[in-house]
């Protein structure tokens, strides 16, 4: 996986900038993003494929997203820096 400076991965194709993250729970495999970012994404994203990728990661209809298990080590390394 490629490390993207300042971004945490949800999976191999979706990254969220650390300034937009409210909390990370590696045990539950979840990232909570800023509610304003979530509203902006819902309002502004147009590509069906991008919307579908995010919806597959989303916990119900919240601003919490599931982390792919393969990303945990990468996230841990970024957080511990």
C-alpha atoms as a PDB file:
ATOM      1  CA  UNK A   1       0.000   0.000   0.000  1.00  0.00           C
ATOM      2  CA  UNK A   2       1.232   3.490  -0.764  1.00  0.00           C
ATOM      3  CA  UNK A   3       1.480   5.821   2.197  1.00  0.00           C
ATOM      4  CA  UNK A   4      -0.243   9.113   1.519  1.00  0.00           C
ATOM      5  CA  UNK A   5       1.140  11.828   3.774  1.00  0.00           C
ATOM      6  CA  UNK A   6      -1.556  13.286   5.992  1.00  0.00           C
ATOM      7  CA  UNK A   7      -4.245  10.836   4.897  1.00  0.00           C
ATOM      8  CA  UNK A   8      -5.641   7.728   6.586  1.00  0.00           C
ATOM      9  CA  UNK A   9      -7.007   4.934   4.400  1.00  0.00           C
ATOM     10  CA  UNK A  10     -10.487   3.487   4.721  1.00  0.00           C
ATOM     11  CA  UNK A  11      -9.527   0.912   2.117  1.00  0.00           C
ATOM     12  CA  UNK A  12      -7.128   0.692  -0.824  1.00  0.00           C
ATOM     13  CA  UNK A  13      -8.902   3.430  -2.792  1.00  0.00           C
ATOM     14  CA  UNK A  14     -10.478   5.824  -0.244  1.00  0.00           C
ATOM     15  CA  UNK A  15      -8.342   8.095   1.957  1.00  0.00           C
ATOM     16  CA  UNK A  16      -9.486  10.787   4.410  1.00  0.00           C
ATOM     17  CA  UNK A  17      -7.263  13.701   5.438  1.00  0.00           C
ATOM     18  CA  UNK A  18      -6.355  13.602   9.134  1.00  0.00           C
ATOM     19  CA  UNK A  19      -7.731  17.120   9.696  1.00  0.00           C
ATOM     20  CA  UNK A  20     -11.194  15.809   8.750  1.00  0.00           C
ATOM     21  CA  UNK A  21     -11.143  12.868  11.182  1.00  0.00           C
ATOM     22  CA  UNK A  22     -12.861  13.146  14.558  1.00  0.00           C
ATOM     23  CA  UNK A  23     -11.940   9.737  15.923  1.00  0.00           C
ATOM     24  CA  UNK A  24     -10.311   6.433  15.015  1.00  0.00           C
ATOM     25  CA  UNK A  25     -11.184   3.129  16.650  1.00  0.00           C
ATOM     26  CA  UNK A  26      -8.835   0.435  15.368  1.00  0.00           C
ATOM     27  CA  UNK A  27     -10.477  -2.225  17.544  1.00  0.00           C
ATOM     28  CA  UNK A  28     -13.910  -1.592  15.997  1.00  0.00           C
ATOM     29  CA  UNK A  29     -12.325  -0.801  12.587  1.00  0.00           C
ATOM     30  CA  UNK A  30     -14.064   2.565  12.349  1.00  0.00           C
ATOM     31  CA  UNK A  31     -13.192   6.160  11.496  1.00  0.00           C
ATOM     32  CA  UNK A  32     -15.548   9.023  12.335  1.00  0.00           C
ATOM     33  CA  UNK A  33     -15.223  11.992   9.999  1.00  0.00           C
ATOM     34  CA  UNK A  34     -16.169  15.619  10.560  1.00  0.00           C
ATOM     35  CA  UNK A  35     -19.944  16.015  10.019  1.00  0.00           C
ATOM     36  CA  UNK A  36     -19.369  19.025   7.753  1.00  0.00           C
ATOM     37  CA  UNK A  37     -17.142  16.973   5.439  1.00  0.00           C
ATOM     38  CA  UNK A  38     -19.806  14.272   5.357  1.00  0.00           C
ATOM     39  CA  UNK A  39     -22.495  16.813   4.408  1.00  0.00           C
ATOM     40  CA  UNK A  40     -20.232  18.269   1.715  1.00  0.00           C
ATOM     41  CA  UNK A  41     -19.482  14.828   0.283  1.00  0.00           C
ATOM     42  CA  UNK A  42     -23.176  13.916   0.179  1.00  0.00           C
ATOM     43  CA  UNK A  43     -24.001  17.221  -1.520  1.00  0.00           C
ATOM     44  CA  UNK A  44     -21.097  17.460  -3.974  1.00  0.00           C
ATOM     45  CA  UNK A  45     -20.050  13.971  -5.039  1.00  0.00           C
ATOM     46  CA  UNK A  46     -21.436  13.145  -8.458  1.00  0.00           C
ATOM     47  CA  UNK A  47     -19.674  10.009  -9.676  1.00  0.00           C
ATOM     48  CA  UNK A  48     -21.799   6.928  -8.995  1.00  0.00           C
ATOM     49  CA  UNK A  49     -18.680   4.786  -8.544  1.00  0.00           C
ATOM     50  CA  UNK A  50     -17.236   7.162  -5.921  1.00  0.00           C
ATOM     51  CA  UNK A  51     -20.557   7.415  -4.088  1.00  0.00           C
ATOM     52  CA  UNK A  52     -20.881   3.624  -4.102  1.00  0.00           C
ATOM     53  CA  UNK A  53     -17.341   3.173  -2.703  1.00  0.00           C
ATOM     54  CA  UNK A  54     -18.132   5.504   0.185  1.00  0.00           C
ATOM     55  CA  UNK A  55     -21.554   4.002   0.849  1.00  0.00           C
ATOM     56  CA  UNK A  56     -20.058   0.504   1.098  1.00  0.00           C
ATOM     57  CA  UNK A  57     -17.740   1.797   3.849  1.00  0.00           C
ATOM     58  CA  UNK A  58     -20.387   3.829   5.683  1.00  0.00           C
ATOM     59  CA  UNK A  59     -21.907   2.599   8.951  1.00  0.00           C
ATOM     60  CA  UNK A  60     -25.649   2.857   8.321  1.00  0.00           C
ATOM     61  CA  UNK A  61     -26.462   6.524   7.611  1.00  0.00           C
ATOM     62  CA  UNK A  62     -23.817   8.040   9.890  1.00  0.00           C
ATOM     63  CA  UNK A  63     -20.530   9.887   9.436  1.00  0.00           C
ATOM     64  CA  UNK A  64     -18.717   6.755  10.638  1.00  0.00           C
ATOM     65  CA  UNK A  65     -16.921   4.599   8.099  1.00  0.00           C
ATOM     66  CA  UNK A  66     -15.565   1.086   8.389  1.00  0.00           C
ATOM     67  CA  UNK A  67     -11.825   0.561   7.911  1.00  0.00           C
ATOM     68  CA  UNK A  68     -10.623  -2.341   5.820  1.00  0.00           C
ATOM     69  CA  UNK A  69      -8.636  -4.667   8.097  1.00  0.00           C
ATOM     70  CA  UNK A  70      -5.629  -4.591   5.752  1.00  0.00           C
ATOM     71  CA  UNK A  71      -5.263  -0.850   6.469  1.00  0.00           C
ATOM     72  CA  UNK A  72      -4.936  -1.122  10.262  1.00  0.00           C
ATOM     73  CA  UNK A  73      -1.133  -1.385  10.319  1.00  0.00           C
ATOM     74  CA  UNK A  74      -0.767   1.565   7.954  1.00  0.00           C
ATOM     75  CA  UNK A  75      -3.125   3.681  10.068  1.00  0.00           C
ATOM     76  CA  UNK A  76      -1.365   2.680  13.276  1.00  0.00           C
ATOM     77  CA  UNK A  77       2.015   3.677  11.768  1.00  0.00           C
ATOM     78  CA  UNK A  78       0.638   7.067  10.680  1.00  0.00           C
ATOM     79  CA  UNK A  79      -0.956   7.741  14.079  1.00  0.00           C
ATOM     80  CA  UNK A  80       2.191   6.795  15.991  1.00  0.00           C
ATOM     81  CA  UNK A  81       4.403   9.218  14.071  1.00  0.00           C
END
